[in-house]
Amino acid sequence: MSNKNICCEILESKIETAGKRGLAVIPFKSPYKPFNYIFFLQSRNIDEENKTGIHTVIDIAIKYCPWCGTNLSTLIEIDEKLIESIAFRNKHLIKLF
């Protein structure tokens, strides 16, 4: 991906691993507040496309990049279209209810 609008290389790599085993960061467009995004740190024990086994998924909302400390709302200000496209691509990975 190598996008200069993402605060650091680690966050960029964790955005790219959405749906895979391990840690990922997933921006999610809030259904409650239009034009607002929530960033989730997600942990999975099995890849999302693997339909066998017991899937354990843990989501926690984050406000700051866990690796460099950047306020994630600045990423939206810098390139909202990028965040919107990532959120749309991965919206199936976040279950609010």
PDB file of N, CA and C in Angstrom:
ATOM      1  N   MET A   1       0.839  -1.198   0.000  1.00  0.00           N
ATOM      2  CA  MET A   1       0.000   0.000   0.000  1.00  0.00           C
ATOM      3  C   MET A   1       0.877   1.252   0.000  1.00  0.00           C
ATOM      4  N   SER A   2       1.762   1.403   0.963  1.00  0.00           N
ATOM      5  CA  SER A   2       2.696   2.519   1.077  1.00  0.00           C
ATOM      6  C   SER A   2       2.031   3.868   0.818  1.00  0.00           C
ATOM      7  N   ASN A   3       1.169   4.254   1.734  1.00  0.00           N
ATOM      8  CA  ASN A   3       0.425   5.497   1.615  1.00  0.00           C
ATOM      9  C   ASN A   3       0.942   6.498   2.627  1.00  0.00           C
ATOM     10  N   LYS A   4       1.319   7.671   2.172  1.00  0.00           N
ATOM     11  CA  LYS A   4       1.860   8.697   3.063  1.00  0.00           C
ATOM     12  C   LYS A   4       0.778   9.316   3.938  1.00  0.00           C
ATOM     13  N   ASN A   5      -0.479   9.029   3.676  1.00  0.00           N
ATOM     14  CA  ASN A   5      -1.562   9.580   4.477  1.00  0.00           C
ATOM     15  C   ASN A   5      -1.898   8.712   5.687  1.00  0.00           C
ATOM     16  N   ILE A   6      -1.197   7.614   5.849  1.00  0.00           N
ATOM     17  CA  ILE A   6      -1.309   6.768   7.037  1.00  0.00           C
ATOM     18  C   ILE A   6      -0.131   7.137   7.925  1.00  0.00           C
ATOM     19  N   CYS A   7      -0.362   7.272   9.217  1.00  0.00           N
ATOM     20  CA  CYS A   7       0.626   7.844  10.135  1.00  0.00           C
ATOM     21  C   CYS A   7       1.935   7.071  10.244  1.00  0.00           C
ATOM     22  N   CYS A   8       1.891   5.742  10.172  1.00  0.00           N
ATOM     23  CA  CYS A   8       3.140   4.977  10.310  1.00  0.00           C
ATOM     24  C   CYS A   8       3.021   3.656   9.553  1.00  0.00           C
ATOM     25  N   GLU A   9       4.163   3.044   9.284  1.00  0.00           N
ATOM     26  CA  GLU A   9       4.204   1.803   8.507  1.00  0.00           C
ATOM     27  C   GLU A   9       3.509   0.649   9.220  1.00  0.00           C
ATOM     28  N   ILE A  10       3.610   0.619  10.545  1.00  0.00           N
ATOM     29  CA  ILE A  10       2.985  -0.492  11.276  1.00  0.00           C
ATOM     30  C   ILE A  10       1.469  -0.410  11.162  1.00  0.00           C
ATOM     31  N   LEU A  11       0.902   0.787  11.360  1.00  0.00           N
ATOM     32  CA  LEU A  11      -0.548   0.935  11.214  1.00  0.00           C
ATOM     33  C   LEU A  11      -0.974   0.580   9.796  1.00  0.00           C
ATOM     34  N   GLU A  12      -0.217   1.028   8.835  1.00  0.00           N
ATOM     35  CA  GLU A  12      -0.517   0.716   7.439  1.00  0.00           C
ATOM     36  C   GLU A  12      -0.558  -0.800   7.211  1.00  0.00           C
ATOM     37  N   SER A  13       0.408  -1.521   7.766  1.00  0.00           N
ATOM     38  CA  SER A  13       0.427  -2.978   7.596  1.00  0.00           C
ATOM     39  C   SER A  13      -0.735  -3.632   8.337  1.00  0.00           C
ATOM     40  N   LYS A  14      -1.130  -3.085   9.478  1.00  0.00           N
ATOM     41  CA  LYS A  14      -2.244  -3.651  10.246  1.00  0.00           C
ATOM     42  C   LYS A  14      -3.584  -3.366   9.576  1.00  0.00           C
ATOM     43  N   ILE A  15      -3.693  -2.288   8.838  1.00  0.00           N
ATOM     44  CA  ILE A  15      -4.898  -2.026   8.043  1.00  0.00           C
ATOM     45  C   ILE A  15      -5.002  -3.054   6.922  1.00  0.00           C
ATOM     46  N   GLU A  16      -3.863  -3.397   6.336  1.00  0.00           N
ATOM     47  CA  GLU A  16      -3.839  -4.360   5.231  1.00  0.00           C
ATOM     48  C   GLU A  16      -4.129  -5.793   5.678  1.00  0.00           C
ATOM     49  N   THR A  17      -3.951  -6.105   6.959  1.00  0.00           N
ATOM     50  CA  THR A  17      -4.172  -7.479   7.424  1.00  0.00           C
ATOM     51  C   THR A  17      -5.591  -7.703   7.954  1.00  0.00           C
ATOM     52  N   ALA A  18      -6.500  -6.787   7.680  1.00  0.00           N
ATOM     53  CA  ALA A  18      -7.888  -6.941   8.135  1.00  0.00           C
ATOM     54  C   ALA A  18      -8.460  -8.277   7.662  1.00  0.00           C
ATOM     55  N   GLY A  19      -9.069  -8.999   8.587  1.00  0.00           N
ATOM     56  CA  GLY A  19      -9.668 -10.296   8.276  1.00  0.00           C
ATOM     57  C   GLY A  19      -8.719 -11.474   8.409  1.00  0.00           C
ATOM     58  N   LYS A  20      -7.458 -11.198   8.648  1.00  0.00           N
ATOM     59  CA  LYS A  20      -6.459 -12.263   8.791  1.00  0.00           C
ATOM     60  C   LYS A  20      -6.206 -12.556  10.266  1.00  0.00           C
ATOM     61  N   ARG A  21      -5.648 -13.719  10.528  1.00  0.00           N
ATOM     62  CA  ARG A  21      -5.284 -14.114  11.885  1.00  0.00           C
ATOM     63  C   ARG A  21      -4.284 -13.118  12.473  1.00  0.00           C
ATOM     64  N   GLY A  22      -4.487 -12.751  13.731  1.00  0.00           N
ATOM     65  CA  GLY A  22      -3.600 -11.797  14.399  1.00  0.00           C
ATOM     66  C   GLY A  22      -4.286 -10.461  14.591  1.00  0.00           C
ATOM     67  N   LEU A  23      -3.480  -9.404  14.676  1.00  0.00           N
ATOM     68  CA  LEU A  23      -4.001  -8.058  14.903  1.00  0.00           C
ATOM     69  C   LEU A  23      -4.223  -7.319  13.599  1.00  0.00           C
ATOM     70  N   ALA A  24      -5.282  -6.506  13.594  1.00  0.00           N
ATOM     71  CA  ALA A  24      -5.574  -5.640  12.461  1.00  0.00           C
ATOM     72  C   ALA A  24      -6.226  -4.369  12.989  1.00  0.00           C
ATOM     73  N   VAL A  25      -6.183  -3.324  12.179  1.00  0.00           N
ATOM     74  CA  VAL A  25      -6.905  -2.099  12.484  1.00  0.00           C
ATOM     75  C   VAL A  25      -7.916  -1.879  11.365  1.00  0.00           C
ATOM     76  N   ILE A  26      -9.170  -1.627  11.775  1.00  0.00           N
ATOM     77  CA  ILE A  26     -10.255  -1.503  10.810  1.00  0.00           C
ATOM     78  C   ILE A  26     -11.030  -0.221  11.075  1.00  0.00           C
ATOM     79  N   PRO A  27     -11.013   0.725  10.125  1.00  0.00           N
ATOM     80  CA  PRO A  27     -11.890   1.877  10.270  1.00  0.00           C
ATOM     81  C   PRO A  27     -13.314   1.445   9.921  1.00  0.00           C
ATOM     82  N   PHE A  28     -14.273   1.990  10.630  1.00  0.00           N
ATOM     83  CA  PHE A  28     -15.668   1.604  10.444  1.00  0.00           C
ATOM     84  C   PHE A  28     -16.521   2.865  10.434  1.00  0.00           C
ATOM     85  N   LYS A  29     -17.340   3.013   9.409  1.00  0.00           N
ATOM     86  CA  LYS A  29     -18.215   4.183   9.316  1.00  0.00           C
ATOM     87  C   LYS A  29     -19.383   4.000  10.276  1.00  0.00           C
ATOM     88  N   SER A  30     -19.523   4.921  11.199  1.00  0.00           N
ATOM     89  CA  SER A  30     -20.545   4.822  12.233  1.00  0.00           C
ATOM     90  C   SER A  30     -21.949   4.954  11.652  1.00  0.00           C
ATOM     91  N   PRO A  31     -22.836   4.001  11.964  1.00  0.00           N
ATOM     92  CA  PRO A  31     -24.221   4.124  11.493  1.00  0.00           C
ATOM     93  C   PRO A  31     -25.009   5.130  12.335  1.00  0.00           C
ATOM     94  N   TYR A  32     -24.449   5.553  13.441  1.00  0.00           N
ATOM     95  CA  TYR A  32     -25.149   6.452  14.357  1.00  0.00           C
ATOM     96  C   TYR A  32     -24.811   7.912  14.135  1.00  0.00           C
ATOM     97  N   LYS A  33     -23.630   8.178  13.651  1.00  0.00           N
ATOM     98  CA  LYS A  33     -23.201   9.551  13.399  1.00  0.00           C
ATOM     99  C   LYS A  33     -22.650   9.619  11.985  1.00  0.00           C
ATOM    100  N   PRO A  34     -23.430  10.101  11.046  1.00  0.00           N
ATOM    101  CA  PRO A  34     -22.939  10.184   9.659  1.00  0.00           C
ATOM    102  C   PRO A  34     -21.626  10.964   9.580  1.00  0.00           C
ATOM    103  N   PHE A  35     -20.756  10.514   8.733  1.00  0.00           N
ATOM    104  CA  PHE A  35     -19.450  11.110   8.468  1.00  0.00           C
ATOM    105  C   PHE A  35     -18.463  10.940   9.621  1.00  0.00           C
ATOM    106  N   ASN A  36     -18.791  10.104  10.595  1.00  0.00           N
ATOM    107  CA  ASN A  36     -17.851   9.795  11.667  1.00  0.00           C
ATOM    108  C   ASN A  36     -17.367   8.369  11.507  1.00  0.00           C
ATOM    109  N   TYR A  37     -16.127   8.155  11.860  1.00  0.00           N
ATOM    110  CA  TYR A  37     -15.528   6.833  11.765  1.00  0.00           C
ATOM    111  C   TYR A  37     -15.038   6.402  13.139  1.00  0.00           C
ATOM    112  N   ILE A  38     -15.120   5.114  13.372  1.00  0.00           N
ATOM    113  CA  ILE A  38     -14.575   4.496  14.567  1.00  0.00           C
ATOM    114  C   ILE A  38     -13.470   3.570  14.080  1.00  0.00           C
ATOM    115  N   PHE A  39     -12.336   3.598  14.739  1.00  0.00           N
ATOM    116  CA  PHE A  39     -11.247   2.680  14.405  1.00  0.00           C
ATOM    117  C   PHE A  39     -11.255   1.556  15.426  1.00  0.00           C
ATOM    118  N   PHE A  40     -11.222   0.320  14.933  1.00  0.00           N
ATOM    119  CA  PHE A  40     -11.203  -0.846  15.802  1.00  0.00           C
ATOM    120  C   PHE A  40      -9.867  -1.559  15.683  1.00  0.00           C
ATOM    121  N   LEU A  41      -9.309  -1.922  16.825  1.00  0.00           N
ATOM    122  CA  LEU A  41      -8.189  -2.849  16.878  1.00  0.00           C
ATOM    123  C   LEU A  41      -8.833  -4.222  17.014  1.00  0.00           C
ATOM    124  N   GLN A  42      -8.572  -5.088  16.059  1.00  0.00           N
ATOM    125  CA  GLN A  42      -9.235  -6.390  16.029  1.00  0.00           C
ATOM    126  C   GLN A  42      -8.205  -7.507  16.109  1.00  0.00           C
ATOM    127  N   SER A  43      -8.538  -8.519  16.888  1.00  0.00           N
ATOM    128  CA  SER A  43      -7.716  -9.708  17.005  1.00  0.00           C
ATOM    129  C   SER A  43      -8.540 -10.914  16.580  1.00  0.00           C
ATOM    130  N   ARG A  44      -7.952 -11.765  15.758  1.00  0.00           N
ATOM    131  CA  ARG A  44      -8.623 -12.981  15.281  1.00  0.00           C
ATOM    132  C   ARG A  44      -7.712 -14.178  15.490  1.00  0.00           C
ATOM    133  N   ASN A  45      -8.308 -15.314  15.835  1.00  0.00           N
ATOM    134  CA  ASN A  45      -7.507 -16.532  15.972  1.00  0.00           C
ATOM    135  C   ASN A  45      -7.446 -17.329  14.674  1.00  0.00           C
ATOM    136  N   ILE A  46      -8.349 -17.037  13.742  1.00  0.00           N
ATOM    137  CA  ILE A  46      -8.428 -17.741  12.459  1.00  0.00           C
ATOM    138  C   ILE A  46      -8.745 -16.711  11.376  1.00  0.00           C
ATOM    139  N   ASP A  47      -8.193 -16.898  10.183  1.00  0.00           N
ATOM    140  CA  ASP A  47      -8.534 -16.020   9.065  1.00  0.00           C
ATOM    141  C   ASP A  47     -10.042 -16.016   8.835  1.00  0.00           C
ATOM    142  N   GLU A  48     -10.565 -14.882   8.485  1.00  0.00           N
ATOM    143  CA  GLU A  48     -12.001 -14.707   8.277  1.00  0.00           C
ATOM    144  C   GLU A  48     -12.562 -15.638   7.207  1.00  0.00           C
ATOM    145  N   GLU A  49     -11.824 -15.871   6.148  1.00  0.00           N
ATOM    146  CA  GLU A  49     -12.343 -16.720   5.071  1.00  0.00           C
ATOM    147  C   GLU A  49     -12.308 -18.210   5.398  1.00  0.00           C
ATOM    148  N   ASN A  50     -11.589 -18.588   6.450  1.00  0.00           N
ATOM    149  CA  ASN A  50     -11.550 -19.983   6.894  1.00  0.00           C
ATOM    150  C   ASN A  50     -12.868 -20.298   7.604  1.00  0.00           C
ATOM    151  N   LYS A  51     -13.659 -21.167   7.038  1.00  0.00           N
ATOM    152  CA  LYS A  51     -14.993 -21.457   7.578  1.00  0.00           C
ATOM    153  C   LYS A  51     -15.000 -22.625   8.565  1.00  0.00           C
ATOM    154  N   THR A  52     -13.833 -23.147   8.908  1.00  0.00           N
ATOM    155  CA  THR A  52     -13.765 -24.258   9.863  1.00  0.00           C
ATOM    156  C   THR A  52     -13.251 -23.762  11.206  1.00  0.00           C
ATOM    157  N   GLY A  53     -13.516 -24.500  12.237  1.00  0.00           N
ATOM    158  CA  GLY A  53     -13.009 -24.164  13.563  1.00  0.00           C
ATOM    159  C   GLY A  53     -13.859 -23.130  14.270  1.00  0.00           C
ATOM    160  N   ILE A  54     -13.465 -22.809  15.466  1.00  0.00           N
ATOM    161  CA  ILE A  54     -14.158 -21.814  16.268  1.00  0.00           C
ATOM    162  C   ILE A  54     -13.445 -20.486  16.104  1.00  0.00           C
ATOM    163  N   HIS A  55     -14.172 -19.500  15.636  1.00  0.00           N
ATOM    164  CA  HIS A  55     -13.616 -18.171  15.415  1.00  0.00           C
ATOM    165  C   HIS A  55     -13.762 -17.336  16.676  1.00  0.00           C
ATOM    166  N   THR A  56     -12.669 -16.810  17.154  1.00  0.00           N
ATOM    167  CA  THR A  56     -12.684 -15.873  18.263  1.00  0.00           C
ATOM    168  C   THR A  56     -12.218 -14.529  17.723  1.00  0.00           C
ATOM    169  N   VAL A  57     -13.083 -13.525  17.865  1.00  0.00           N
ATOM    170  CA  VAL A  57     -12.772 -12.190  17.369  1.00  0.00           C
ATOM    171  C   VAL A  57     -12.962 -11.213  18.524  1.00  0.00           C
ATOM    172  N   ILE A  58     -11.966 -10.386  18.745  1.00  0.00           N
ATOM    173  CA  ILE A  58     -12.026  -9.366  19.784  1.00  0.00           C
ATOM    174  C   ILE A  58     -11.850  -8.014  19.113  1.00  0.00           C
ATOM    175  N   ASP A  59     -12.794  -7.109  19.361  1.00  0.00           N
ATOM    176  CA  ASP A  59     -12.731  -5.755  18.823  1.00  0.00           C
ATOM    177  C   ASP A  59     -12.664  -4.764  19.975  1.00  0.00           C
ATOM    178  N   ILE A  60     -11.820  -3.777  19.833  1.00  0.00           N
ATOM    179  CA  ILE A  60     -11.776  -2.681  20.797  1.00  0.00           C
ATOM    180  C   ILE A  60     -11.622  -1.382  20.016  1.00  0.00           C
ATOM    181  N   ALA A  61     -12.464  -0.411  20.340  1.00  0.00           N
ATOM    182  CA  ALA A  61     -12.379   0.887  19.678  1.00  0.00           C
ATOM    183  C   ALA A  61     -11.132   1.613  20.173  1.00  0.00           C
ATOM    184  N   ILE A  62     -10.427   2.242  19.249  1.00  0.00           N
ATOM    185  CA  ILE A  62      -9.223   2.992  19.605  1.00  0.00           C
ATOM    186  C   ILE A  62      -9.324   4.400  19.032  1.00  0.00           C
ATOM    187  N   LYS A  63      -8.697   5.323  19.706  1.00  0.00           N
ATOM    188  CA  LYS A  63      -8.688   6.721  19.259  1.00  0.00           C
ATOM    189  C   LYS A  63      -7.306   7.131  18.737  1.00  0.00           C
ATOM    190  N   TYR A  64      -6.276   6.461  19.224  1.00  0.00           N
ATOM    191  CA  TYR A  64      -4.900   6.790  18.860  1.00  0.00           C
ATOM    192  C   TYR A  64      -4.215   5.568  18.272  1.00  0.00           C
ATOM    193  N   CYS A  65      -3.275   5.815  17.382  1.00  0.00           N
ATOM    194  CA  CYS A  65      -2.482   4.723  16.816  1.00  0.00           C
ATOM    195  C   CYS A  65      -1.701   4.062  17.946  1.00  0.00           C
ATOM    196  N   PRO A  66      -1.830   2.752  18.115  1.00  0.00           N
ATOM    197  CA  PRO A  66      -1.116   2.062  19.192  1.00  0.00           C
ATOM    198  C   PRO A  66       0.400   2.058  19.017  1.00  0.00           C
ATOM    199  N   TRP A  67       0.899   2.371  17.825  1.00  0.00           N
ATOM    200  CA  TRP A  67       2.333   2.289  17.557  1.00  0.00           C
ATOM    201  C   TRP A  67       3.024   3.644  17.557  1.00  0.00           C
ATOM    202  N   CYS A  68       2.358   4.684  17.067  1.00  0.00           N
ATOM    203  CA  CYS A  68       3.040   5.992  17.030  1.00  0.00           C
ATOM    204  C   CYS A  68       2.308   7.071  17.815  1.00  0.00           C
ATOM    205  N   GLY A  69       1.087   6.797  18.259  1.00  0.00           N
ATOM    206  CA  GLY A  69       0.355   7.739  19.101  1.00  0.00           C
ATOM    207  C   GLY A  69      -0.445   8.797  18.364  1.00  0.00           C
ATOM    208  N   THR A  70      -0.476   8.757  17.058  1.00  0.00           N
ATOM    209  CA  THR A  70      -1.239   9.738  16.286  1.00  0.00           C
ATOM    210  C   THR A  70      -2.723   9.617  16.587  1.00  0.00           C
ATOM    211  N   ASN A  71      -3.392  10.762  16.755  1.00  0.00           N
ATOM    212  CA  ASN A  71      -4.843  10.768  16.895  1.00  0.00           C
ATOM    213  C   ASN A  71      -5.416  10.336  15.546  1.00  0.00           C
ATOM    214  N   LEU A  72      -6.170   9.262  15.526  1.00  0.00           N
ATOM    215  CA  LEU A  72      -6.635   8.682  14.263  1.00  0.00           C
ATOM    216  C   LEU A  72      -7.621   9.578  13.521  1.00  0.00           C
ATOM    217  N   SER A  73      -8.241  10.525  14.205  1.00  0.00           N
ATOM    218  CA  SER A  73      -9.140  11.451  13.512  1.00  0.00           C
ATOM    219  C   SER A  73      -8.364  12.320  12.518  1.00  0.00           C
ATOM    220  N   THR A  74      -7.056  12.494  12.741  1.00  0.00           N
ATOM    221  CA  THR A  74      -6.269  13.273  11.781  1.00  0.00           C
ATOM    222  C   THR A  74      -6.135  12.541  10.446  1.00  0.00           C
ATOM    223  N   LEU A  75      -6.187  11.215  10.478  1.00  0.00           N
ATOM    224  CA  LEU A  75      -6.130  10.461   9.217  1.00  0.00           C
ATOM    225  C   LEU A  75      -7.355  10.752   8.364  1.00  0.00           C
ATOM    226  N   ILE A  76      -8.491  10.928   9.032  1.00  0.00           N
ATOM    227  CA  ILE A  76      -9.726  11.251   8.322  1.00  0.00           C
ATOM    228  C   ILE A  76      -9.622  12.650   7.719  1.00  0.00           C
ATOM    229  N   GLU A  77      -9.088  13.582   8.479  1.00  0.00           N
ATOM    230  CA  GLU A  77      -8.925  14.949   7.986  1.00  0.00           C
ATOM    231  C   GLU A  77      -7.977  15.007   6.798  1.00  0.00           C
ATOM    232  N   ILE A  78      -6.937  14.195   6.819  1.00  0.00           N
ATOM    233  CA  ILE A  78      -5.936  14.202   5.745  1.00  0.00           C
ATOM    234  C   ILE A  78      -6.483  13.577   4.464  1.00  0.00           C
ATOM    235  N   ASP A  79      -7.162  12.430   4.579  1.00  0.00           N
ATOM    236  CA  ASP A  79      -7.629  11.717   3.383  1.00  0.00           C
ATOM    237  C   ASP A  79      -8.887  10.910   3.707  1.00  0.00           C
ATOM    238  N   GLU A  80     -10.010  11.599   3.803  1.00  0.00           N
ATOM    239  CA  GLU A  80     -11.263  10.926   4.154  1.00  0.00           C
ATOM    240  C   GLU A  80     -11.664   9.888   3.112  1.00  0.00           C
ATOM    241  N   LYS A  81     -11.379  10.141   1.856  1.00  0.00           N
ATOM    242  CA  LYS A  81     -11.735   9.179   0.799  1.00  0.00           C
ATOM    243  C   LYS A  81     -11.006   7.849   0.993  1.00  0.00           C
ATOM    244  N   LEU A  82      -9.751   7.906   1.394  1.00  0.00           N
ATOM    245  CA  LEU A  82      -8.980   6.685   1.648  1.00  0.00           C
ATOM    246  C   LEU A  82      -9.602   5.904   2.808  1.00  0.00           C
ATOM    247  N   ILE A  83      -9.884   6.590   3.906  1.00  0.00           N
ATOM    248  CA  ILE A  83     -10.467   5.929   5.073  1.00  0.00           C
ATOM    249  C   ILE A  83     -11.842   5.371   4.725  1.00  0.00           C
ATOM    250  N   GLU A  84     -12.612   6.120   3.958  1.00  0.00           N
ATOM    251  CA  GLU A  84     -13.937   5.655   3.534  1.00  0.00           C
ATOM    252  C   GLU A  84     -13.833   4.387   2.693  1.00  0.00           C
ATOM    253  N   SER A  85     -12.871   4.316   1.791  1.00  0.00           N
ATOM    254  CA  SER A  85     -12.735   3.124   0.935  1.00  0.00           C
ATOM    255  C   SER A  85     -12.280   1.913   1.751  1.00  0.00           C
ATOM    256  N   ILE A  86     -11.386   2.132   2.711  1.00  0.00           N
ATOM    257  CA  ILE A  86     -10.948   1.025   3.574  1.00  0.00           C
ATOM    258  C   ILE A  86     -12.106   0.537   4.428  1.00  0.00           C
ATOM    259  N   ALA A  87     -12.873   1.477   4.983  1.00  0.00           N
ATOM    260  CA  ALA A  87     -14.030   1.119   5.815  1.00  0.00           C
ATOM    261  C   ALA A  87     -15.065   0.339   5.001  1.00  0.00           C
ATOM    262  N   PHE A  88     -15.331   0.776   3.792  1.00  0.00           N
ATOM    263  CA  PHE A  88     -16.307   0.090   2.938  1.00  0.00           C
ATOM    264  C   PHE A  88     -15.845  -1.329   2.612  1.00  0.00           C
ATOM    265  N   ARG A  89     -14.574  -1.463   2.271  1.00  0.00           N
ATOM    266  CA  ARG A  89     -14.000  -2.770   1.912  1.00  0.00           C
ATOM    267  C   ARG A  89     -14.078  -3.769   3.072  1.00  0.00           C
ATOM    268  N   ASN A  90     -13.984  -3.281   4.298  1.00  0.00           N
ATOM    269  CA  ASN A  90     -13.918  -4.163   5.466  1.00  0.00           C
ATOM    270  C   ASN A  90     -15.142  -4.116   6.371  1.00  0.00           C
ATOM    271  N   LYS A  91     -16.228  -3.499   5.925  1.00  0.00           N
ATOM    272  CA  LYS A  91     -17.384  -3.326   6.805  1.00  0.00           C
ATOM    273  C   LYS A  91     -17.972  -4.650   7.296  1.00  0.00           C
ATOM    274  N   HIS A  92     -17.801  -5.708   6.550  1.00  0.00           N
ATOM    275  CA  HIS A  92     -18.324  -7.020   6.956  1.00  0.00           C
ATOM    276  C   HIS A  92     -17.548  -7.625   8.131  1.00  0.00           C
ATOM    277  N   LEU A  93     -16.386  -7.063   8.454  1.00  0.00           N
ATOM    278  CA  LEU A  93     -15.555  -7.608   9.521  1.00  0.00           C
ATOM    279  C   LEU A  93     -15.937  -7.096  10.911  1.00  0.00           C
ATOM    280  N   ILE A  94     -16.748  -6.045  10.968  1.00  0.00           N
ATOM    281  CA  ILE A  94     -17.167  -5.469  12.245  1.00  0.00           C
ATOM    282  C   ILE A  94     -18.649  -5.763  12.462  1.00  0.00           C
ATOM    283  N   LYS A  95     -18.947  -6.398  13.581  1.00  0.00           N
ATOM    284  CA  LYS A  95     -20.328  -6.709  13.943  1.00  0.00           C
ATOM    285  C   LYS A  95     -20.661  -5.917  15.211  1.00  0.00           C
ATOM    286  N   LEU A  96     -21.545  -4.944  15.086  1.00  0.00           N
ATOM    287  CA  LEU A  96     -21.884  -4.129  16.242  1.00  0.00           C
ATOM    288  C   LEU A  96     -22.898  -4.786  17.155  1.00  0.00           C
ATOM    289  N   PHE A  97     -23.705  -5.671  16.626  1.00  0.00           N
ATOM    290  CA  PHE A  97     -24.736  -6.313  17.462  1.00  0.00           C
ATOM    291  C   PHE A  97     -24.641  -7.815  17.372  1.00  0.00           C
TER     292      PHE A  97
END
